[in-house]
PDB file of all heavy atoms in Angstrom:
ATOM      1  N   LEU A   1      -0.270  -7.492  -2.773  1.00  0.00           N
ATOM      2  CA  LEU A   1      -0.762  -7.618  -1.272  1.00  0.00           C
ATOM      3  C   LEU A   1       0.415  -7.607  -0.423  1.00  0.00           C
ATOM      4  O   LEU A   1       0.411  -6.798   0.646  1.00  0.00           O
ATOM      5  CB  LEU A   1      -1.587  -8.799  -1.048  1.00  0.00           C
ATOM      6  CG  LEU A   1      -2.985  -8.762  -1.637  1.00  0.00           C
ATOM      7  CD1 LEU A   1      -3.595 -10.189  -1.626  1.00  0.00           C
ATOM      8  CD2 LEU A   1      -3.844  -7.736  -0.955  1.00  0.00           C
ATOM      9  N   ASN A   2       1.524  -8.286  -0.813  1.00  0.00           N
ATOM     10  CA  ASN A   2       2.765  -8.283  -0.017  1.00  0.00           C
ATOM     11  C   ASN A   2       3.259  -6.877   0.040  1.00  0.00           C
ATOM     12  O   ASN A   2       3.793  -6.478   1.103  1.00  0.00           O
ATOM     13  CB  ASN A   2       3.761  -9.262  -0.416  1.00  0.00           C
ATOM     14  CG  ASN A   2       4.998  -9.289   0.338  1.00  0.00           C
ATOM     15  OD1 ASN A   2       6.037  -8.886  -0.077  1.00  0.00           O
ATOM     16  ND2 ASN A   2       4.891  -9.887   1.577  1.00  0.00           N
ATOM     17  N   GLY A   3       3.211  -6.194  -1.114  1.00  0.00           N
ATOM     18  CA  GLY A   3       3.898  -4.856  -1.167  1.00  0.00           C
ATOM     19  C   GLY A   3       2.981  -3.885  -0.400  1.00  0.00           C
ATOM     20  O   GLY A   3       3.629  -2.925   0.258  1.00  0.00           O
ATOM     21  N   ILE A   4       1.689  -4.088  -0.422  1.00  0.00           N
ATOM     22  CA  ILE A   4       0.803  -3.235   0.430  1.00  0.00           C
ATOM     23  C   ILE A   4       1.186  -3.436   1.828  1.00  0.00           C
ATOM     24  O   ILE A   4       1.234  -2.364   2.724  1.00  0.00           O
ATOM     25  CB  ILE A   4      -0.675  -3.557   0.181  1.00  0.00           C
ATOM     26  CG1 ILE A   4      -1.065  -3.050  -1.266  1.00  0.00           C
ATOM     27  CG2 ILE A   4      -1.504  -3.002   1.334  1.00  0.00           C
ATOM     28  CD1 ILE A   4      -2.250  -3.536  -1.777  1.00  0.00           C
ATOM     29  N   ALA A   5       1.368  -4.587   2.351  1.00  0.00           N
ATOM     30  CA  ALA A   5       1.736  -4.871   3.784  1.00  0.00           C
ATOM     31  C   ALA A   5       3.117  -4.323   4.200  1.00  0.00           C
ATOM     32  O   ALA A   5       3.180  -3.676   5.258  1.00  0.00           O
ATOM     33  CB  ALA A   5       1.659  -6.356   3.953  1.00  0.00           C
ATOM     34  N   GLU A   6       4.016  -4.324   3.297  1.00  0.00           N
ATOM     35  CA  GLU A   6       5.307  -3.795   3.616  1.00  0.00           C
ATOM     36  C   GLU A   6       5.242  -2.248   3.677  1.00  0.00           C
ATOM     37  O   GLU A   6       5.737  -1.594   4.527  1.00  0.00           O
ATOM     38  CB  GLU A   6       6.298  -4.128   2.509  1.00  0.00           C
ATOM     39  CG  GLU A   6       6.692  -5.590   2.597  1.00  0.00           C
ATOM     40  CD  GLU A   6       7.651  -5.945   1.350  1.00  0.00           C
ATOM     41  OE1 GLU A   6       7.781  -5.209   0.438  1.00  0.00           O
ATOM     42  OE2 GLU A   6       8.221  -7.152   1.448  1.00  0.00           O
ATOM     43  N   LYS A   7       4.459  -1.540   2.728  1.00  0.00           N
ATOM     44  CA  LYS A   7       4.391  -0.123   2.789  1.00  0.00           C
ATOM     45  C   LYS A   7       3.561   0.256   4.025  1.00  0.00           C
ATOM     46  O   LYS A   7       3.851   1.303   4.624  1.00  0.00           O
ATOM     47  CB  LYS A   7       3.718   0.352   1.530  1.00  0.00           C
ATOM     48  CG  LYS A   7       3.724   1.890   1.464  1.00  0.00           C
ATOM     49  CD  LYS A   7       3.247   2.478   0.093  1.00  0.00           C
ATOM     50  CE  LYS A   7       3.091   4.003   0.080  1.00  0.00           C
ATOM     51  NZ  LYS A   7       4.415   4.623   0.418  1.00  0.00           N
ATOM     52  N   ALA A   8       2.534  -0.382   4.343  1.00  0.00           N
ATOM     53  CA  ALA A   8       1.736  -0.065   5.571  1.00  0.00           C
ATOM     54  C   ALA A   8       2.441  -0.194   6.829  1.00  0.00           C
ATOM     55  O   ALA A   8       2.309   0.646   7.661  1.00  0.00           O
ATOM     56  CB  ALA A   8       0.577  -1.015   5.588  1.00  0.00           C
ATOM     57  N   ALA A   9       3.347  -1.181   6.885  1.00  0.00           N
ATOM     58  CA  ALA A   9       4.348  -1.291   8.030  1.00  0.00           C
ATOM     59  C   ALA A   9       5.190  -0.024   8.169  1.00  0.00           C
ATOM     60  O   ALA A   9       5.359   0.478   9.308  1.00  0.00           O
ATOM     61  CB  ALA A   9       5.068  -2.549   8.080  1.00  0.00           C
ATOM     62  N   VAL A  10       5.677   0.465   6.931  1.00  0.00           N
ATOM     63  CA  VAL A  10       6.636   1.626   7.155  1.00  0.00           C
ATOM     64  C   VAL A  10       5.748   2.852   7.449  1.00  0.00           C
ATOM     65  O   VAL A  10       6.305   3.682   8.252  1.00  0.00           O
ATOM     66  CB  VAL A  10       7.293   1.744   5.681  1.00  0.00           C
ATOM     67  CG1 VAL A  10       7.999   3.140   5.666  1.00  0.00           C
ATOM     68  CG2 VAL A  10       8.191   0.566   5.383  1.00  0.00           C
ATOM     69  N   GLU A  11       4.580   2.999   6.886  1.00  0.00           N
ATOM     70  CA  GLU A  11       3.797   4.203   7.114  1.00  0.00           C
ATOM     71  C   GLU A  11       2.963   4.188   8.300  1.00  0.00           C
ATOM     72  O   GLU A  11       2.384   5.093   8.792  1.00  0.00           O
ATOM     73  CB  GLU A  11       2.794   4.357   5.925  1.00  0.00           C
ATOM     74  CG  GLU A  11       3.515   4.571   4.585  1.00  0.00           C
ATOM     75  CD  GLU A  11       4.293   5.874   4.427  1.00  0.00           C
ATOM     76  OE1 GLU A  11       4.020   6.806   5.186  1.00  0.00           O
ATOM     77  OE2 GLU A  11       5.168   5.859   3.532  1.00  0.00           O
ATOM     78  N   GLY A  12       2.799   2.977   8.979  1.00  0.00           N
ATOM     79  CA  GLY A  12       1.984   2.845  10.171  1.00  0.00           C
ATOM     80  C   GLY A  12       0.484   2.727   9.920  1.00  0.00           C
ATOM     81  O   GLY A  12      -0.330   3.089  10.736  1.00  0.00           O
ATOM     82  N   TRP A  13       0.222   2.339   8.730  1.00  0.00           N
ATOM     83  CA  TRP A  13      -1.164   2.188   8.376  1.00  0.00           C
ATOM     84  C   TRP A  13      -1.726   0.829   8.932  1.00  0.00           C
ATOM     85  O   TRP A  13      -1.177  -0.190   8.943  1.00  0.00           O
ATOM     86  CB  TRP A  13      -1.433   2.107   6.862  1.00  0.00           C
ATOM     87  CG  TRP A  13      -0.936   3.393   6.081  1.00  0.00           C
ATOM     88  CD1 TRP A  13      -0.987   4.648   6.546  1.00  0.00           C
ATOM     89  CD2 TRP A  13      -0.530   3.486   4.740  1.00  0.00           C
ATOM     90  NE1 TRP A  13      -0.614   5.561   5.546  1.00  0.00           N
ATOM     91  CE2 TRP A  13      -0.309   4.887   4.475  1.00  0.00           C
ATOM     92  CE3 TRP A  13      -0.353   2.490   3.716  1.00  0.00           C
ATOM     93  CZ2 TRP A  13       0.147   5.257   3.257  1.00  0.00           C
ATOM     94  CZ3 TRP A  13       0.047   2.982   2.540  1.00  0.00           C
ATOM     95  CH2 TRP A  13       0.326   4.445   2.275  1.00  0.00           C
ATOM     96  N   GLU A  14      -3.029   0.923   9.387  1.00  0.00           N
ATOM     97  CA  GLU A  14      -3.774  -0.354   9.829  1.00  0.00           C
ATOM     98  C   GLU A  14      -4.688  -0.586   8.822  1.00  0.00           C
ATOM     99  O   GLU A  14      -5.167  -1.794   8.798  1.00  0.00           O
ATOM    100  CB  GLU A  14      -4.416  -0.051  11.233  1.00  0.00           C
ATOM    101  CG  GLU A  14      -3.370   0.208  12.354  1.00  0.00           C
ATOM    102  CD  GLU A  14      -4.089   0.292  13.675  1.00  0.00           C
ATOM    103  OE1 GLU A  14      -5.334   0.334  13.729  1.00  0.00           O
ATOM    104  OE2 GLU A  14      -3.401   0.403  14.711  1.00  0.00           O
ATOM    105  N   ARG A  15      -5.281   0.310   8.091  1.00  0.00           N
ATOM    106  CA  ARG A  15      -6.143   0.049   6.940  1.00  0.00           C
ATOM    107  C   ARG A  15      -5.638   0.848   5.682  1.00  0.00           C
ATOM    108  O   ARG A  15      -5.364   1.918   5.871  1.00  0.00           O
ATOM    109  CB  ARG A  15      -7.478   0.463   7.431  1.00  0.00           C
ATOM    110  CG  ARG A  15      -8.614   0.109   6.388  1.00  0.00           C
ATOM    111  CD  ARG A  15     -10.078   0.613   6.746  1.00  0.00           C
ATOM    112  NE  ARG A  15     -11.091   0.088   5.887  1.00  0.00           N
ATOM    113  CZ  ARG A  15     -11.317   0.500   4.671  1.00  0.00           C
ATOM    114  NH1 ARG A  15     -10.592   1.494   4.113  1.00  0.00           N
ATOM    115  NH2 ARG A  15     -12.254  -0.061   3.895  1.00  0.00           N
ATOM    116  N   VAL A  16      -5.728   0.119   4.667  1.00  0.00           N
ATOM    117  CA  VAL A  16      -5.413   0.693   3.290  1.00  0.00           C
ATOM    118  C   VAL A  16      -6.501   0.572   2.287  1.00  0.00           C
ATOM    119  O   VAL A  16      -6.903  -0.587   1.959  1.00  0.00           O
ATOM    120  CB  VAL A  16      -4.112   0.090   2.708  1.00  0.00           C
ATOM    121  CG1 VAL A  16      -3.521   0.924   1.508  1.00  0.00           C
ATOM    122  CG2 VAL A  16      -3.012  -0.035   3.861  1.00  0.00           C
ATOM    123  N   ASP A  17      -7.121   1.679   1.758  1.00  0.00           N
ATOM    124  CA  ASP A  17      -8.024   1.583   0.626  1.00  0.00           C
ATOM    125  C   ASP A  17      -7.259   2.331  -0.497  1.00  0.00           C
ATOM    126  O   ASP A  17      -6.193   2.806  -0.391  1.00  0.00           O
ATOM    127  CB  ASP A  17      -9.307   2.127   1.048  1.00  0.00           C
ATOM    128  CG  ASP A  17      -9.244   3.534   1.614  1.00  0.00           C
ATOM    129  OD1 ASP A  17      -8.296   4.242   1.390  1.00  0.00           O
ATOM    130  OD2 ASP A  17     -10.190   3.989   2.306  1.00  0.00           O
ATOM    131  N   LEU A  18      -8.136   2.548  -1.470  1.00  0.00           N
ATOM    132  CA  LEU A  18      -7.546   3.162  -2.741  1.00  0.00           C
ATOM    133  C   LEU A  18      -7.245   4.633  -2.450  1.00  0.00           C
ATOM    134  O   LEU A  18      -6.183   5.081  -3.022  1.00  0.00           O
ATOM    135  CB  LEU A  18      -8.622   3.021  -3.829  1.00  0.00           C
ATOM    136  CG  LEU A  18      -8.108   3.229  -5.273  1.00  0.00           C
ATOM    137  CD1 LEU A  18      -6.973   2.263  -5.551  1.00  0.00           C
ATOM    138  CD2 LEU A  18      -9.205   2.910  -6.241  1.00  0.00           C
ATOM    139  N   ARG A  19      -7.892   5.336  -1.613  1.00  0.00           N
ATOM    140  CA  ARG A  19      -7.575   6.705  -1.367  1.00  0.00           C
ATOM    141  C   ARG A  19      -6.233   6.753  -0.653  1.00  0.00           C
ATOM    142  O   ARG A  19      -5.347   7.572  -0.978  1.00  0.00           O
ATOM    143  CB  ARG A  19      -8.706   7.390  -0.442  1.00  0.00           C
ATOM    144  CG  ARG A  19      -8.442   8.705  -0.127  1.00  0.00           C
ATOM    145  CD  ARG A  19      -9.486   9.243   0.915  1.00  0.00           C
ATOM    146  NE  ARG A  19      -9.301   8.584   2.093  1.00  0.00           N
ATOM    147  CZ  ARG A  19      -8.407   8.772   3.113  1.00  0.00           C
ATOM    148  NH1 ARG A  19      -7.558   9.681   2.888  1.00  0.00           N
ATOM    149  NH2 ARG A  19      -8.459   8.079   4.187  1.00  0.00           N
ATOM    150  N   VAL A  20      -6.126   5.931   0.349  1.00  0.00           N
ATOM    151  CA  VAL A  20      -4.815   5.940   1.163  1.00  0.00           C
ATOM    152  C   VAL A  20      -3.695   5.499   0.272  1.00  0.00           C
ATOM    153  O   VAL A  20      -2.529   6.071   0.342  1.00  0.00           O
ATOM    154  CB  VAL A  20      -4.900   4.993   2.361  1.00  0.00           C
ATOM    155  CG1 VAL A  20      -3.583   4.859   3.075  1.00  0.00           C
ATOM    156  CG2 VAL A  20      -5.938   5.444   3.378  1.00  0.00           C
ATOM    157  N   TRP A  21      -3.979   4.531  -0.628  1.00  0.00           N
ATOM    158  CA  TRP A  21      -2.831   4.031  -1.471  1.00  0.00           C
ATOM    159  C   TRP A  21      -2.274   5.127  -2.401  1.00  0.00           C
ATOM    160  O   TRP A  21      -1.234   5.148  -2.829  1.00  0.00           O
ATOM    161  CB  TRP A  21      -3.240   2.827  -2.163  1.00  0.00           C
ATOM    162  CG  TRP A  21      -2.098   2.088  -2.856  1.00  0.00           C
ATOM    163  CD1 TRP A  21      -2.078   1.908  -4.230  1.00  0.00           C
ATOM    164  CD2 TRP A  21      -1.091   1.406  -2.343  1.00  0.00           C
ATOM    165  NE1 TRP A  21      -0.911   1.242  -4.568  1.00  0.00           N
ATOM    166  CE2 TRP A  21      -0.352   0.897  -3.417  1.00  0.00           C
ATOM    167  CE3 TRP A  21      -0.589   1.107  -1.055  1.00  0.00           C
ATOM    168  CZ2 TRP A  21       0.926   0.140  -3.157  1.00  0.00           C
ATOM    169  CZ3 TRP A  21       0.564   0.414  -0.802  1.00  0.00           C
ATOM    170  CH2 TRP A  21       1.286  -0.146  -1.850  1.00  0.00           C
ATOM    171  N   GLY A  22      -3.346   5.872  -2.968  1.00  0.00           N
ATOM    172  CA  GLY A  22      -3.048   7.097  -3.859  1.00  0.00           C
ATOM    173  C   GLY A  22      -2.459   6.495  -5.188  1.00  0.00           C
ATOM    174  O   GLY A  22      -2.899   5.517  -5.736  1.00  0.00           O
ATOM    175  N   ASP A  23      -1.405   7.161  -5.577  1.00  0.00           N
ATOM    176  CA  ASP A  23      -0.782   6.893  -6.819  1.00  0.00           C
ATOM    177  C   ASP A  23       0.385   5.990  -6.743  1.00  0.00           C
ATOM    178  O   ASP A  23       1.241   5.947  -7.623  1.00  0.00           O
ATOM    179  CB  ASP A  23      -0.454   8.204  -7.659  1.00  0.00           C
ATOM    180  CG  ASP A  23       0.564   8.999  -6.886  1.00  0.00           C
ATOM    181  OD1 ASP A  23       0.862   8.592  -5.687  1.00  0.00           O
ATOM    182  OD2 ASP A  23       0.881  10.207  -7.423  1.00  0.00           O
ATOM    183  N   THR A  24       0.638   5.476  -5.602  1.00  0.00           N
ATOM    184  CA  THR A  24       1.781   4.396  -5.448  1.00  0.00           C
ATOM    185  C   THR A  24       1.585   3.316  -6.528  1.00  0.00           C
ATOM    186  O   THR A  24       0.566   2.799  -6.797  1.00  0.00           O
ATOM    187  CB  THR A  24       1.694   3.723  -4.033  1.00  0.00           C
ATOM    188  OG1 THR A  24       1.719   4.790  -3.148  1.00  0.00           O
ATOM    189  CG2 THR A  24       2.914   2.827  -3.842  1.00  0.00           C
ATOM    190  N   PRO A  25       2.704   2.998  -7.152  1.00  0.00           N
ATOM    191  CA  PRO A  25       2.690   2.000  -8.335  1.00  0.00           C
ATOM    192  C   PRO A  25       2.167   0.569  -7.872  1.00  0.00           C
ATOM    193  O   PRO A  25       2.423   0.216  -6.783  1.00  0.00           O
ATOM    194  CB  PRO A  25       4.184   1.915  -8.785  1.00  0.00           C
ATOM    195  CG  PRO A  25       4.754   3.222  -8.372  1.00  0.00           C
ATOM    196  CD  PRO A  25       4.042   3.592  -7.021  1.00  0.00           C
ATOM    197  N   ILE A  26       1.566  -0.036  -8.850  1.00  0.00           N
ATOM    198  CA  ILE A  26       1.070  -1.324  -8.656  1.00  0.00           C
ATOM    199  C   ILE A  26       1.822  -2.270  -9.529  1.00  0.00           C
ATOM    200  O   ILE A  26       2.092  -1.937 -10.803  1.00  0.00           O
ATOM    201  CB  ILE A  26      -0.479  -1.513  -8.889  1.00  0.00           C
ATOM    202  CG1 ILE A  26      -1.336  -0.632  -7.809  1.00  0.00           C
ATOM    203  CG2 ILE A  26      -0.903  -2.913  -9.002  1.00  0.00           C
ATOM    204  CD1 ILE A  26      -1.294  -1.306  -6.514  1.00  0.00           C
ATOM    205  N   TYR A  27       2.307  -3.330  -9.144  1.00  0.00           N
ATOM    206  CA  TYR A  27       3.055  -4.424  -9.970  1.00  0.00           C
ATOM    207  C   TYR A  27       2.103  -5.088 -10.981  1.00  0.00           C
ATOM    208  O   TYR A  27       1.140  -5.595 -10.646  1.00  0.00           O
ATOM    209  CB  TYR A  27       3.691  -5.403  -9.044  1.00  0.00           C
ATOM    210  CG  TYR A  27       4.249  -6.491  -9.769  1.00  0.00           C
ATOM    211  CD1 TYR A  27       5.469  -6.431 -10.545  1.00  0.00           C
ATOM    212  CD2 TYR A  27       3.664  -7.785  -9.796  1.00  0.00           C
ATOM    213  CE1 TYR A  27       5.982  -7.422 -11.247  1.00  0.00           C
ATOM    214  CE2 TYR A  27       4.220  -8.854 -10.476  1.00  0.00           C
ATOM    215  CZ  TYR A  27       5.426  -8.654 -11.214  1.00  0.00           C
ATOM    216  OH  TYR A  27       5.904  -9.782 -12.000  1.00  0.00           O
ATOM    217  N   THR A  28       2.388  -4.928 -12.227  1.00  0.00           N
ATOM    218  CA  THR A  28       1.493  -5.521 -13.306  1.00  0.00           C
ATOM    219  C   THR A  28       2.325  -6.529 -14.072  1.00  0.00           C
ATOM    220  O   THR A  28       1.748  -7.048 -15.040  1.00  0.00           O
ATOM    221  CB  THR A  28       1.027  -4.423 -14.193  1.00  0.00           C
ATOM    222  OG1 THR A  28       2.201  -3.746 -14.859  1.00  0.00           O
ATOM    223  CG2 THR A  28       0.231  -3.317 -13.438  1.00  0.00           C
ATOM    224  N   GLY A  29       3.655  -6.816 -13.671  1.00  0.00           N
ATOM    225  CA  GLY A  29       4.388  -7.653 -14.457  1.00  0.00           C
ATOM    226  C   GLY A  29       5.183  -7.097 -15.704  1.00  0.00           C
ATOM    227  O   GLY A  29       5.994  -7.750 -16.234  1.00  0.00           O
TER     228      GLY A  29
END
């Protein structure tokens, strides 16, 4: 969630769903 907020700030997104997020990597540990 923190990573989503950081990328949204860079991209200027106000809403992020799975389509907007696309194939950006997700942290799985």
